[in-house]
Amino acid sequence: MIKVDKLSFSFPQKELYTNVSFTLEEGQHCAFIGTSGSGKSTLIDILMDPERYLFEGKLEIDPTCKMGHVSQFSHLDKSKETTVFEYIGEEFNRIQNEINAILAEMETSSDMDALLEKYQMALDAFDAIDGNDFESNIHKKLNLADLMKLKDARVSDLSGGEFKLIQVMKEMLRKPDVMIMDEPDVFLDFENLNALKNLINAHKGILLVVTHNRYLLNHCFNKIIHLENTELQEFDGRYIDYNFSLLQTKIELQELTVAEEEEIARNDNIVNNLRAIATYNSEASRGRALKARVRFQERLEARRLKAPFVDIKQPNISFGMDQAMEETTVVSVNNYRVAFDELLLEHVSFEIKSTDKVAIIGPNGTGKTTLLRDIFNHEHDSIEIHADAKVAYLSQLQGEMLQGSNTILEEFIDAGFKTYDEIRAYLLSYGFEGEILHQKIDSLSGGEKNLLQLAKVSASKANVLLLDEPTSHLDTYAQIALEKAIEDYKGAILMISHDFYSIVNGMDYVLIIEDKTIRKMSMPAFKKMIYARHFDKDYLEVEQKKKSVEMKIELALKNKNFELAKGCIDELEKLIKLL
């Protein structure tokens, strides 16, 4: 259906792809992965509108291929009074109205041939979207996503997550041959994320989905397309099997690399000895031996293994503090209430201690972000902040904490750094170096912007962190690095998140929004709740064992104990089969 062959493309300041190739074929649900800023969204734009881009290579799209697209950033027209059912059925209503208009025109027109041709084209378009069953199909999609309750709701009243799901349904009901979605999971709560999983798995056409969500990656796809360091590779199979394959390759490559380095070192000694001899022995044979050895050394260096997909560098996220606090209450919320057009929260009371790590969870649109912003601004009578608390805030609205017209360097001068050299050294650990430091923040990907926010939060040396969806847009490598930073942090964290893994791996307990108020829930109770709703029997236990074995492998590789690593690989393979 779509074939990309040796495609190369670059912006003036950045090379994105070098001779990348892949295909999209019938029956494939493809996850499109890669680190932030690697060019995934741009490649999608090229697929959707090739005429806009000057690229090298071939892009072959079947001329009969009907494309569907759900953008990373959705914009809702709040002035529209359309209901959810009417919004999803816009294409159906448009074609039906066109058919009725043609039939009306036939009653008075003498040019029947042209009208019959238009009529047949409209009927074909109607059949292509299964028009006779369109209303029934809308109901099926709404039921699949457990959103039938929203059928008659105004689209303008939907939460961001609900609107994203409605967009996905609307595109799927157009029956595209290839449907492309760019991070459709961002900001979805647990229930809506599960609804998206159901919609993806029930879809019959080809799917290409940019996502970093580990829940979707582990449950929805039968092909992986991985873009990294201007190169791309395809893998037919599940994401969990792809990661296993990468780990196997990593062990093999590291073992070979150690052997190569030893061979290069031996050859270095020979070359050095021959050079030393050549200083006092000028025989031609000695010179030829030296040149041969140097050429051999150059060949060794040239074939040194390069593995851009195997050993991807994680950002080094680290949260430190200027002033640690003794065990005390740092945030106190007492009888908090917030309402806009309707009541969101009331009778909310809780305390955060100086070392607590707490997640706020609840459906989209229930006031979580408003609460976190009110704590940060400290302008609400029902909120008290300890005098020694230094608070840093990461916003899910990236423009709230980052000045889009600034370059990265300018943003961090504003953040209190004194010299550009100091900024360069600091941001290197977050993966920002070279020309990208001179780019405007508006030109960065969503993941890069979130990494910058994390870098600013870290630079603040705060002892209380308020994090609103910190994993959104982050690639899986950065998500894992963030989890480690949270685990190592000694201060207090209050985090809004719908990412199950981040909560389970880093939080002490959760605050759950129910019936317009908040109650405390222990981590075992939270796991049990999510386990019952979203995971197969024993999934979480096997996942934890898998993570433990993976850590053993990483440690074995660090110590160059390849035999131990290979033994653990066998153990890991058995666990993966259970998943």
Protein backbone atom coordinates (compact mmCIF):
# COMPACT_ATOMS: atom_id res chain seq x y z
CA MET A 1 0.00 0.00 0.00
CA ILE A 2 2.87 2.41 0.87
CA LYS A 3 6.56 1.90 0.07
CA VAL A 4 9.33 4.27 1.18
CA ASP A 5 12.64 3.55 -0.58
CA LYS A 6 15.97 5.17 0.36
CA LEU A 7 14.34 8.44 1.45
CA SER A 8 16.64 11.23 2.66
CA PHE A 9 15.54 14.59 4.03
CA SER A 10 17.06 17.37 6.10
CA PHE A 11 16.27 20.83 7.42
CA PRO A 12 18.96 23.54 7.05
CA GLN A 13 20.11 23.00 10.64
CA LYS A 14 19.48 19.26 10.98
CA GLU A 15 19.71 16.04 8.95
CA LEU A 16 16.68 13.86 9.68
CA TYR A 17 16.86 10.77 7.44
CA THR A 18 19.53 9.03 5.40
CA ASN A 19 18.30 6.41 2.91
CA VAL A 20 15.44 5.15 5.11
CA SER A 21 13.16 2.44 3.71
CA PHE A 22 10.01 0.70 4.95
CA THR A 23 6.66 -0.64 3.75
CA LEU A 24 3.11 -0.56 5.06
CA GLU A 25 1.05 -3.60 4.04
CA GLU A 26 -2.34 -5.18 4.66
CA GLY A 27 -2.99 -6.37 8.21
CA GLN A 28 -0.18 -4.35 9.79
CA HIS A 29 -0.67 -2.30 12.94
CA CYS A 30 2.66 -0.48 13.15
CA ALA A 31 4.09 1.38 16.13
CA PHE A 32 6.39 4.19 14.97
CA ILE A 33 8.97 4.79 17.70
CA GLY A 34 12.20 6.75 18.22
CA THR A 35 13.76 9.30 20.53
CA SER A 36 12.33 12.81 20.78
CA GLY A 37 13.30 15.04 17.86
CA SER A 38 14.28 12.16 15.57
CA GLY A 39 11.76 13.30 12.93
CA LYS A 40 8.75 10.99 13.33
CA SER A 41 6.13 13.74 12.94
CA THR A 42 7.94 15.18 9.92
CA LEU A 43 8.00 11.78 8.23
CA ILE A 44 4.25 11.50 8.83
CA ASP A 45 3.78 14.95 7.25
CA ILE A 46 5.76 13.76 4.22
CA LEU A 47 3.51 10.68 3.89
CA MET A 48 0.35 12.81 4.18
CA ASP A 49 1.48 15.57 1.76
CA PRO A 50 4.61 14.60 -0.25
CA GLU A 51 4.31 17.63 -2.55
CA ARG A 52 5.23 20.00 0.30
CA TYR A 53 8.68 18.48 0.82
CA LEU A 54 11.86 18.29 -1.25
CA PHE A 55 13.23 14.86 -0.38
CA GLU A 56 15.51 12.40 -2.10
CA GLY A 57 14.50 8.81 -2.77
CA LYS A 58 11.18 7.22 -3.68
CA LEU A 59 7.78 7.36 -2.01
CA GLU A 60 5.27 5.03 -3.66
CA ILE A 61 1.64 5.25 -2.51
CA ASP A 62 -1.01 3.11 -4.17
CA PRO A 63 -3.14 5.59 -6.16
CA THR A 64 -6.32 3.99 -4.76
CA CYS A 65 -5.04 4.36 -1.16
CA LYS A 66 -7.38 6.38 1.07
CA MET A 67 -5.47 8.01 3.95
CA GLY A 68 -6.77 8.93 7.40
CA HIS A 69 -4.97 11.16 9.88
CA VAL A 70 -5.29 12.08 13.57
CA SER A 71 -2.94 14.92 14.45
CA GLN A 72 -0.78 15.16 17.57
CA PHE A 73 -2.40 18.52 18.40
CA SER A 74 -6.19 18.69 18.18
CA HIS A 75 -8.02 21.99 18.07
CA LEU A 76 -11.66 22.04 19.10
CA ASP A 77 -13.96 24.79 17.83
CA LYS A 78 -15.75 25.72 21.06
CA SER A 79 -18.31 27.78 19.13
CA LYS A 80 -19.80 24.68 17.48
CA GLU A 81 -23.01 23.35 19.00
CA THR A 82 -22.58 19.95 17.29
CA THR A 83 -23.37 16.83 19.28
CA VAL A 84 -20.89 13.97 19.43
CA PHE A 85 -23.11 11.82 17.18
CA GLU A 86 -23.42 14.64 14.61
CA TYR A 87 -19.67 15.34 14.70
CA ILE A 88 -18.71 11.71 14.08
CA GLY A 89 -21.32 11.46 11.31
CA GLU A 90 -20.32 14.64 9.40
CA GLU A 91 -18.91 12.67 6.43
CA PHE A 92 -22.03 10.49 6.26
CA ASN A 93 -24.34 13.54 6.39
CA ARG A 94 -22.29 15.42 3.78
CA ILE A 95 -22.52 12.58 1.24
CA GLN A 96 -26.20 11.96 2.00
CA ASN A 97 -26.97 15.66 1.46
CA GLU A 98 -25.00 15.58 -1.80
CA ILE A 99 -27.04 12.57 -3.02
CA ASN A 100 -30.31 14.31 -2.13
CA ALA A 101 -29.20 17.49 -3.96
CA ILE A 102 -28.30 15.50 -7.11
CA LEU A 103 -31.68 13.72 -7.05
CA ALA A 104 -33.47 17.06 -6.71
CA GLU A 105 -31.48 18.48 -9.64
CA MET A 106 -32.39 15.46 -11.80
CA GLU A 107 -36.05 16.45 -11.62
CA THR A 108 -35.45 19.65 -13.63
CA SER A 109 -32.15 19.18 -15.52
CA SER A 110 -31.75 18.06 -19.13
CA ASP A 111 -28.06 17.09 -18.73
CA MET A 112 -28.75 13.67 -17.22
CA ASP A 113 -25.45 12.04 -18.25
CA ALA A 114 -23.33 14.41 -16.11
CA LEU A 115 -25.74 14.11 -13.19
CA LEU A 116 -25.80 10.31 -13.41
CA GLU A 117 -21.99 10.28 -13.28
CA LYS A 118 -22.03 12.56 -10.20
CA TYR A 119 -24.76 10.39 -8.66
CA GLN A 120 -22.73 7.21 -9.16
CA MET A 121 -19.61 8.82 -7.64
CA ALA A 122 -21.63 9.92 -4.59
CA LEU A 123 -23.10 6.40 -4.22
CA ASP A 124 -19.60 4.90 -4.43
CA ALA A 125 -18.38 7.29 -1.70
CA PHE A 126 -21.46 6.36 0.39
CA ASP A 127 -20.71 2.64 0.00
CA ALA A 128 -17.02 3.19 0.81
CA ILE A 129 -17.94 4.38 4.32
CA ASP A 130 -20.57 1.65 4.71
CA GLY A 131 -23.29 4.32 4.56
CA ASN A 132 -26.27 2.00 4.95
CA ASP A 133 -25.00 0.93 8.37
CA PHE A 134 -23.31 4.18 9.35
CA GLU A 135 -25.51 5.00 12.35
CA SER A 136 -25.14 1.45 13.65
CA ASN A 137 -21.36 1.66 13.16
CA ILE A 138 -21.19 4.90 15.18
CA HIS A 139 -23.01 3.15 18.03
CA LYS A 140 -20.60 0.20 17.84
CA LYS A 141 -17.56 2.50 18.08
CA LEU A 142 -19.07 4.47 20.98
CA ASN A 143 -19.82 1.22 22.82
CA LEU A 144 -16.33 -0.14 22.12
CA ALA A 145 -14.84 2.97 23.76
CA ASP A 146 -17.48 2.93 26.52
CA LEU A 147 -18.57 6.44 25.47
CA MET A 148 -22.21 5.84 24.49
CA LYS A 149 -23.14 8.14 27.37
CA LEU A 150 -21.63 11.02 25.34
CA LYS A 151 -23.69 10.40 22.18
CA ASP A 152 -25.90 13.47 22.65
CA ALA A 153 -23.34 15.63 24.49
CA ARG A 154 -22.04 18.79 22.84
CA VAL A 155 -18.55 18.35 21.41
CA SER A 156 -17.59 21.68 22.99
CA ASP A 157 -18.25 20.18 26.45
CA LEU A 158 -15.85 17.24 26.02
CA SER A 159 -12.56 16.91 27.86
CA GLY A 160 -9.39 16.86 25.76
CA GLY A 161 -9.08 13.09 26.13
CA GLU A 162 -12.69 12.45 25.15
CA PHE A 163 -12.36 14.70 22.10
CA LYS A 164 -9.21 12.82 21.00
CA LEU A 165 -11.11 9.51 21.12
CA ILE A 166 -14.02 11.01 19.16
CA GLN A 167 -11.54 12.17 16.49
CA VAL A 168 -10.09 8.65 16.27
CA MET A 169 -13.59 7.16 15.83
CA LYS A 170 -14.53 9.73 13.20
CA GLU A 171 -11.43 8.93 11.11
CA MET A 172 -11.85 5.16 11.51
CA LEU A 173 -15.47 5.35 10.31
CA ARG A 174 -14.26 7.00 7.08
CA LYS A 175 -12.76 3.53 6.35
CA PRO A 176 -9.26 4.69 5.31
CA ASP A 177 -6.91 2.07 3.82
CA VAL A 178 -4.07 3.56 5.88
CA MET A 179 -4.71 5.44 9.11
CA ILE A 180 -1.89 7.48 10.63
CA MET A 181 -2.07 8.77 14.21
CA ASP A 182 0.53 10.98 15.89
CA GLU A 183 0.62 10.42 19.69
CA PRO A 184 -3.15 9.91 20.09
CA ASP A 185 -2.57 8.77 23.69
CA VAL A 186 -1.14 12.01 25.12
CA PHE A 187 -3.03 13.11 28.26
CA LEU A 188 -5.56 10.24 28.08
CA ASP A 189 -6.66 8.97 31.49
CA PHE A 190 -6.60 5.23 32.24
CA GLU A 191 -10.16 4.58 31.04
CA ASN A 192 -9.73 6.54 27.81
CA LEU A 193 -6.35 4.89 27.19
CA ASN A 194 -8.02 1.49 27.45
CA ALA A 195 -10.73 2.72 25.06
CA LEU A 196 -8.03 3.75 22.57
CA LYS A 197 -6.44 0.30 22.91
CA ASN A 198 -9.82 -1.30 22.07
CA LEU A 199 -10.33 0.98 19.04
CA ILE A 200 -6.84 0.22 17.71
CA ASN A 201 -7.16 -3.54 18.16
CA ALA A 202 -10.60 -3.63 16.50
CA HIS A 203 -9.50 -1.59 13.46
CA LYS A 204 -9.33 -3.64 10.25
CA GLY A 205 -7.13 -1.37 8.10
CA ILE A 206 -3.42 -0.53 8.15
CA LEU A 207 -2.33 1.60 11.12
CA LEU A 208 0.80 3.66 11.66
CA VAL A 209 0.83 5.11 15.18
CA VAL A 210 3.50 7.32 16.73
CA THR A 211 3.47 6.48 20.42
CA HIS A 212 5.75 6.26 23.45
CA ASN A 213 3.03 4.79 25.66
CA ARG A 214 4.30 1.50 27.06
CA TYR A 215 0.79 0.16 27.72
CA LEU A 216 -0.21 0.60 24.05
CA LEU A 217 3.17 -0.58 22.78
CA ASN A 218 2.84 -3.82 24.73
CA HIS A 219 -0.77 -4.53 23.73
CA CYS A 220 -1.60 -3.18 20.26
CA PHE A 221 0.99 -3.69 17.53
CA ASN A 222 2.36 -6.44 15.28
CA LYS A 223 5.10 -4.39 13.63
CA ILE A 224 7.66 -1.86 14.88
CA ILE A 225 9.22 0.92 12.80
CA HIS A 226 12.11 2.48 14.71
CA LEU A 227 13.71 5.75 13.63
CA GLU A 228 17.01 6.72 15.27
CA ASN A 229 20.10 8.81 14.42
CA THR A 230 18.89 9.39 10.79
CA GLU A 231 18.48 5.60 10.26
CA LEU A 232 15.44 3.32 10.36
CA GLN A 233 14.74 -0.35 10.91
CA GLU A 234 11.62 -2.52 10.68
CA PHE A 235 10.68 -5.41 12.96
CA ASP A 236 7.77 -7.77 12.34
CA GLY A 237 6.43 -8.68 15.76
CA ARG A 238 5.39 -7.27 19.12
CA TYR A 239 7.19 -4.42 20.89
CA ILE A 240 8.14 -6.72 23.77
CA ASP A 241 9.76 -9.14 21.27
CA TYR A 242 11.53 -6.24 19.57
CA ASN A 243 13.08 -5.11 22.85
CA PHE A 244 14.14 -8.70 23.56
CA SER A 245 15.78 -8.86 20.12
CA LEU A 246 17.61 -5.58 20.79
CA LEU A 247 18.88 -6.89 24.12
CA GLN A 248 20.17 -10.09 22.51
CA THR A 249 21.94 -8.04 19.84
CA LYS A 250 23.37 -5.72 22.48
CA ILE A 251 25.00 -8.66 24.30
CA GLU A 252 26.45 -10.02 21.05
CA LEU A 253 27.74 -6.62 19.93
CA GLN A 254 29.30 -5.77 23.27
CA GLU A 255 31.06 -9.14 23.39
CA LEU A 256 32.35 -8.63 19.84
CA THR A 257 33.35 -5.05 20.63
CA VAL A 258 35.45 -6.19 23.61
CA ALA A 259 37.17 -8.75 21.36
CA GLU A 260 37.74 -6.09 18.69
CA GLU A 261 39.17 -3.63 21.19
CA GLU A 262 41.61 -6.28 22.40
CA GLU A 263 42.63 -6.99 18.78
CA ILE A 264 43.05 -3.27 18.08
CA ALA A 265 45.14 -2.88 21.24
CA ARG A 266 47.39 -5.79 20.19
CA ASN A 267 47.78 -4.28 16.74
CA ASP A 268 48.58 -0.88 18.29
CA ASN A 269 51.47 -2.47 20.17
CA ILE A 270 52.78 -4.08 16.98
CA VAL A 271 52.54 -0.78 15.05
CA ASN A 272 54.31 1.08 17.87
CA ASN A 273 57.09 -1.54 17.96
CA LEU A 274 57.53 -1.37 14.18
CA ARG A 275 57.70 2.43 14.34
CA ALA A 276 60.32 2.22 17.09
CA ILE A 277 62.36 -0.22 14.99
CA ALA A 278 62.00 2.01 11.90
CA THR A 279 63.74 4.87 13.71
CA TYR A 280 67.03 2.97 13.73
CA ASN A 281 66.49 0.35 10.97
CA SER A 282 65.62 1.81 7.58
CA GLU A 283 65.27 -1.48 5.64
CA ALA A 284 62.49 -1.33 3.03
CA SER A 285 60.93 -4.53 4.39
CA ARG A 286 60.50 -2.88 7.78
CA GLY A 287 58.71 0.08 6.17
CA ARG A 288 56.41 -2.22 4.21
CA ALA A 289 55.55 -4.17 7.37
CA LEU A 290 54.70 -0.94 9.16
CA LYS A 291 52.46 0.29 6.30
CA ALA A 292 50.69 -3.07 6.13
CA ARG A 293 50.01 -3.02 9.85
CA VAL A 294 48.73 0.59 9.71
CA ARG A 295 46.37 -0.35 6.85
CA PHE A 296 45.18 -3.37 8.87
CA GLN A 297 44.55 -1.08 11.83
CA GLU A 298 42.54 1.28 9.64
CA ARG A 299 40.39 -1.65 8.43
CA LEU A 300 39.78 -2.70 12.04
CA GLU A 301 38.65 0.82 12.93
CA ALA A 302 36.46 1.04 9.80
CA ARG A 303 34.59 -2.16 10.65
CA ARG A 304 34.19 -1.28 14.33
CA LEU A 305 30.57 -2.09 15.06
CA LYS A 306 28.06 0.76 15.06
CA ALA A 307 24.65 0.05 16.52
CA PRO A 308 22.41 3.15 16.57
CA PHE A 309 19.35 1.14 17.62
CA VAL A 310 20.98 -1.04 20.26
CA ASP A 311 22.66 1.32 22.68
CA ILE A 312 20.59 4.50 22.71
CA LYS A 313 21.82 7.06 25.18
CA GLN A 314 19.31 7.96 27.88
CA PRO A 315 19.18 11.54 29.11
CA ASN A 316 20.73 11.90 32.54
CA ILE A 317 17.80 13.40 34.47
CA SER A 318 18.62 14.22 38.08
CA PHE A 319 16.71 16.22 40.69
CA GLY A 320 18.85 17.77 43.43
CA MET A 321 18.00 20.22 46.22
CA ASP A 322 19.60 23.36 47.62
CA GLN A 323 18.03 22.69 51.01
CA ALA A 324 16.74 19.34 52.25
CA MET A 325 13.94 19.53 54.82
CA GLU A 326 13.33 17.51 57.95
CA GLU A 327 10.23 15.28 58.04
CA THR A 328 7.42 17.82 58.06
CA THR A 329 4.32 18.86 56.12
CA VAL A 330 5.31 20.92 53.06
CA VAL A 331 1.90 21.25 51.37
CA SER A 332 -1.40 21.39 53.24
CA VAL A 333 -4.77 21.53 51.44
CA ASN A 334 -7.80 22.09 53.65
CA ASN A 335 -11.37 22.09 52.28
CA TYR A 336 -10.32 23.16 48.77
CA ARG A 337 -13.04 23.91 46.24
CA VAL A 338 -12.90 24.87 42.56
CA ALA A 339 -15.64 25.52 39.99
CA PHE A 340 -15.85 27.08 36.54
CA ASP A 341 -19.04 26.53 34.51
CA GLU A 342 -19.69 23.63 36.86
CA LEU A 343 -18.33 22.33 40.16
CA LEU A 344 -15.10 20.38 39.68
CA LEU A 345 -13.83 19.70 43.20
CA GLU A 346 -15.02 20.33 46.75
CA HIS A 347 -14.21 19.22 50.31
CA VAL A 348 -10.65 18.39 49.23
CA SER A 349 -8.18 18.00 52.10
CA PHE A 350 -4.77 16.31 52.19
CA GLU A 351 -1.17 16.84 53.33
CA ILE A 352 2.12 16.16 51.55
CA LYS A 353 5.16 15.40 53.72
CA SER A 354 8.68 16.50 52.80
CA THR A 355 9.67 13.10 51.34
CA ASP A 356 6.28 11.95 49.99
CA LYS A 357 5.97 10.97 46.34
CA VAL A 358 2.33 11.17 45.41
CA ALA A 359 0.35 10.76 42.18
CA ILE A 360 -2.98 12.51 41.55
CA ILE A 361 -5.17 10.39 39.29
CA GLY A 362 -8.68 10.76 37.94
CA PRO A 363 -10.63 11.17 34.70
CA ASN A 364 -9.82 13.94 32.21
CA GLY A 365 -11.40 17.28 33.05
CA THR A 366 -11.89 16.74 36.78
CA GLY A 367 -9.70 19.63 38.03
CA LYS A 368 -6.30 17.99 38.59
CA THR A 369 -4.31 20.59 36.64
CA THR A 370 -6.23 23.47 38.25
CA LEU A 371 -5.40 22.11 41.72
CA LEU A 372 -1.70 21.72 40.91
CA ARG A 373 -1.52 25.21 39.41
CA ASP A 374 -3.25 26.68 42.49
CA ILE A 375 -0.67 24.99 44.74
CA PHE A 376 2.17 26.40 42.64
CA ASN A 377 0.71 29.93 42.55
CA HIS A 378 -0.09 29.75 46.28
CA GLU A 379 -3.00 32.18 45.97
CA HIS A 380 -5.78 30.01 47.37
CA ASP A 381 -6.90 30.43 50.99
CA SER A 382 -7.26 26.68 51.52
CA ILE A 383 -3.63 25.92 50.49
CA GLU A 384 -0.62 26.35 52.77
CA ILE A 385 3.03 25.95 51.73
CA HIS A 386 5.84 25.52 54.29
CA ALA A 387 8.07 28.61 54.56
CA ASP A 388 11.20 26.57 53.71
CA ALA A 389 9.62 24.87 50.71
CA LYS A 390 11.13 25.75 47.34
CA VAL A 391 8.60 24.72 44.68
CA ALA A 392 9.22 23.93 40.99
CA TYR A 393 6.45 23.29 38.46
CA LEU A 394 6.27 21.35 35.17
CA SER A 395 3.19 22.20 33.12
CA GLN A 396 1.42 19.97 30.61
CA LEU A 397 0.89 23.24 28.68
CA GLN A 398 4.52 23.64 27.64
CA GLY A 399 4.12 27.27 26.61
CA GLU A 400 3.21 28.11 30.21
CA MET A 401 6.77 27.49 31.45
CA LEU A 402 8.82 27.88 28.24
CA GLN A 403 9.10 31.03 26.11
CA GLY A 404 8.60 29.76 22.56
CA SER A 405 10.43 32.70 20.91
CA ASN A 406 13.57 32.04 22.99
CA THR A 407 16.39 29.85 21.78
CA ILE A 408 17.34 27.06 24.19
CA LEU A 409 20.41 29.05 25.28
CA GLU A 410 18.32 32.17 25.92
CA GLU A 411 15.77 30.18 27.93
CA PHE A 412 18.45 28.95 30.33
CA ILE A 413 20.12 32.34 30.71
CA ASP A 414 16.65 33.45 31.85
CA ALA A 415 16.64 30.45 34.21
CA GLY A 416 19.64 31.79 36.11
CA PHE A 417 22.69 30.35 34.35
CA LYS A 418 25.49 32.89 33.99
CA THR A 419 27.32 31.81 30.80
CA TYR A 420 26.50 29.94 27.61
CA ASP A 421 29.35 27.51 28.30
CA GLU A 422 27.74 26.66 31.64
CA ILE A 423 24.42 26.00 29.85
CA ARG A 424 26.08 23.84 27.17
CA ALA A 425 27.76 21.67 29.80
CA TYR A 426 24.53 21.32 31.76
CA LEU A 427 22.26 20.47 28.80
CA LEU A 428 24.66 17.91 27.34
CA SER A 429 23.41 15.36 29.87
CA TYR A 430 19.87 15.94 28.58
CA GLY A 431 20.92 15.20 25.01
CA PHE A 432 20.99 18.81 23.75
CA GLU A 433 24.18 19.79 21.97
CA GLY A 434 25.45 21.51 18.85
CA GLU A 435 23.19 23.58 16.60
CA ILE A 436 19.96 22.64 18.38
CA LEU A 437 20.93 24.98 21.24
CA HIS A 438 20.40 27.92 18.86
CA GLN A 439 16.93 26.75 17.74
CA LYS A 440 13.77 28.51 18.84
CA ILE A 441 11.82 26.50 21.41
CA ASP A 442 8.70 26.71 19.20
CA SER A 443 10.53 24.61 16.57
CA LEU A 444 11.22 21.69 18.95
CA SER A 445 9.21 18.48 19.22
CA GLY A 446 6.85 17.92 22.16
CA GLY A 447 9.30 15.47 23.73
CA GLU A 448 12.20 17.90 23.44
CA LYS A 449 10.13 20.64 25.08
CA ASN A 450 9.23 18.37 27.98
CA LEU A 451 12.89 17.40 28.43
CA LEU A 452 13.74 21.11 28.59
CA GLN A 453 11.07 21.60 31.25
CA LEU A 454 12.59 18.73 33.25
CA ALA A 455 16.03 20.32 32.85
CA LYS A 456 14.66 23.62 34.20
CA VAL A 457 12.95 21.88 37.12
CA SER A 458 16.21 20.10 37.92
CA ALA A 459 18.23 23.32 37.68
CA SER A 460 15.91 25.00 40.22
CA LYS A 461 17.20 22.68 43.00
CA ALA A 462 13.69 22.77 44.51
CA ASN A 463 12.68 20.52 47.38
CA VAL A 464 9.03 20.25 46.25
CA LEU A 465 8.24 19.24 42.66
CA LEU A 466 4.80 19.70 41.06
CA LEU A 467 4.77 17.66 37.84
CA ASP A 468 1.77 17.77 35.48
CA GLU A 469 1.96 14.82 33.06
CA PRO A 470 5.79 14.81 32.98
CA THR A 471 5.97 11.70 30.74
CA SER A 472 3.81 13.22 27.98
CA HIS A 473 5.62 13.23 24.60
CA LEU A 474 8.75 11.70 26.20
CA ASP A 475 10.25 8.71 24.42
CA THR A 476 10.51 5.47 26.39
CA TYR A 477 14.22 6.02 27.14
CA ALA A 478 13.52 9.42 28.71
CA GLN A 479 10.54 7.98 30.62
CA ILE A 480 12.77 5.34 32.21
CA ALA A 481 15.40 7.99 33.01
CA LEU A 482 12.68 10.13 34.64
CA GLU A 483 11.53 7.17 36.74
CA LYS A 484 15.08 6.72 38.03
CA ALA A 485 15.38 10.45 38.81
CA ILE A 486 12.10 10.31 40.78
CA GLU A 487 13.28 7.20 42.65
CA ASP A 488 16.57 8.90 43.64
CA TYR A 489 15.02 12.26 44.60
CA LYS A 490 14.94 13.01 48.36
CA GLY A 491 12.29 15.75 48.31
CA ALA A 492 8.50 15.80 47.86
CA ILE A 493 6.74 15.14 44.55
CA LEU A 494 3.10 15.72 43.67
CA MET A 495 2.55 14.37 40.15
CA ILE A 496 -0.43 14.20 37.82
CA SER A 497 -0.01 11.17 35.61
CA HIS A 498 -1.96 8.61 33.64
CA ASP A 499 1.17 6.54 33.00
CA PHE A 500 0.73 3.34 35.00
CA TYR A 501 4.42 2.44 34.93
CA SER A 502 5.61 5.82 36.26
CA ILE A 503 3.14 5.66 39.14
CA VAL A 504 3.89 2.07 40.14
CA ASN A 505 7.66 2.48 39.79
CA GLY A 506 7.99 5.81 41.61
CA MET A 507 5.09 6.81 43.85
CA ASP A 508 4.38 6.05 47.53
CA TYR A 509 0.59 6.35 47.21
CA VAL A 510 -2.06 8.01 45.05
CA LEU A 511 -4.74 10.66 45.54
CA ILE A 512 -7.72 9.57 43.46
CA ILE A 513 -10.51 11.90 42.32
CA GLU A 514 -13.99 10.39 42.80
CA ASP A 515 -17.38 12.09 43.15
CA LYS A 516 -15.80 15.58 42.92
CA THR A 517 -13.48 15.05 45.86
CA ILE A 518 -10.13 13.37 46.56
CA ARG A 519 -9.32 10.36 48.72
CA LYS A 520 -6.03 8.67 49.54
CA MET A 521 -5.35 5.22 48.09
CA SER A 522 -2.46 2.92 49.00
CA MET A 523 -0.21 1.61 46.25
CA PRO A 524 -1.37 -2.03 46.69
CA ALA A 525 -5.01 -0.89 46.37
CA PHE A 526 -4.15 1.18 43.26
CA LYS A 527 -2.36 -1.78 41.66
CA LYS A 528 -5.32 -4.04 42.42
CA MET A 529 -7.74 -1.53 40.84
CA ILE A 530 -5.69 -1.14 37.64
CA TYR A 531 -4.93 -4.86 37.59
CA ALA A 532 -8.64 -5.71 37.61
CA ARG A 533 -9.55 -3.21 34.88
CA HIS A 534 -6.64 -3.32 32.44
CA PHE A 535 -4.30 -6.29 32.81
CA ASP A 536 -4.51 -10.02 32.24
CA LYS A 537 -4.10 -12.43 35.15
CA ASP A 538 -0.59 -12.40 36.66
CA TYR A 539 0.59 -9.75 34.16
CA LEU A 540 1.99 -7.36 36.75
CA GLU A 541 3.93 -10.04 38.62
CA VAL A 542 5.52 -11.31 35.41
CA GLU A 543 6.28 -7.72 34.33
CA GLN A 544 8.10 -7.10 37.63
CA LYS A 545 10.12 -10.31 37.25
CA LYS A 546 10.96 -9.31 33.69
CA LYS A 547 12.21 -5.91 34.84
CA SER A 548 14.35 -7.56 37.54
CA VAL A 549 16.00 -9.90 35.00
CA GLU A 550 16.62 -6.98 32.61
CA MET A 551 18.43 -5.12 35.41
CA LYS A 552 20.59 -8.23 36.04
CA ILE A 553 21.50 -8.27 32.34
CA GLU A 554 22.43 -4.56 32.36
CA LEU A 555 24.65 -5.10 35.41
CA ALA A 556 26.28 -8.17 33.81
CA LEU A 557 27.03 -6.16 30.67
CA LYS A 558 28.48 -3.34 32.75
CA ASN A 559 30.86 -5.88 34.33
CA LYS A 560 31.51 -7.52 30.92
CA ASN A 561 30.20 -10.81 32.30
CA PHE A 562 28.76 -12.05 29.01
CA GLU A 563 28.13 -15.63 30.18
CA LEU A 564 25.88 -14.38 33.01
CA ALA A 565 24.08 -12.06 30.57
CA LYS A 566 23.40 -14.95 28.16
CA GLY A 567 22.06 -17.09 31.02
CA CYS A 568 19.68 -14.28 32.02
CA ILE A 569 18.53 -13.95 28.39
CA ASP A 570 17.18 -17.50 28.51
CA GLU A 571 15.31 -16.67 31.72
CA LEU A 572 13.95 -13.47 30.16
CA GLU A 573 12.70 -15.31 27.07
CA LYS A 574 10.59 -17.63 29.24
CA LEU A 575 9.00 -14.63 31.02
CA ILE A 576 8.25 -12.86 27.73
CA LYS A 577 6.36 -15.92 26.49
CA LEU A 578 4.09 -15.56 29.54
CA LEU A 579 3.33 -11.96 28.52
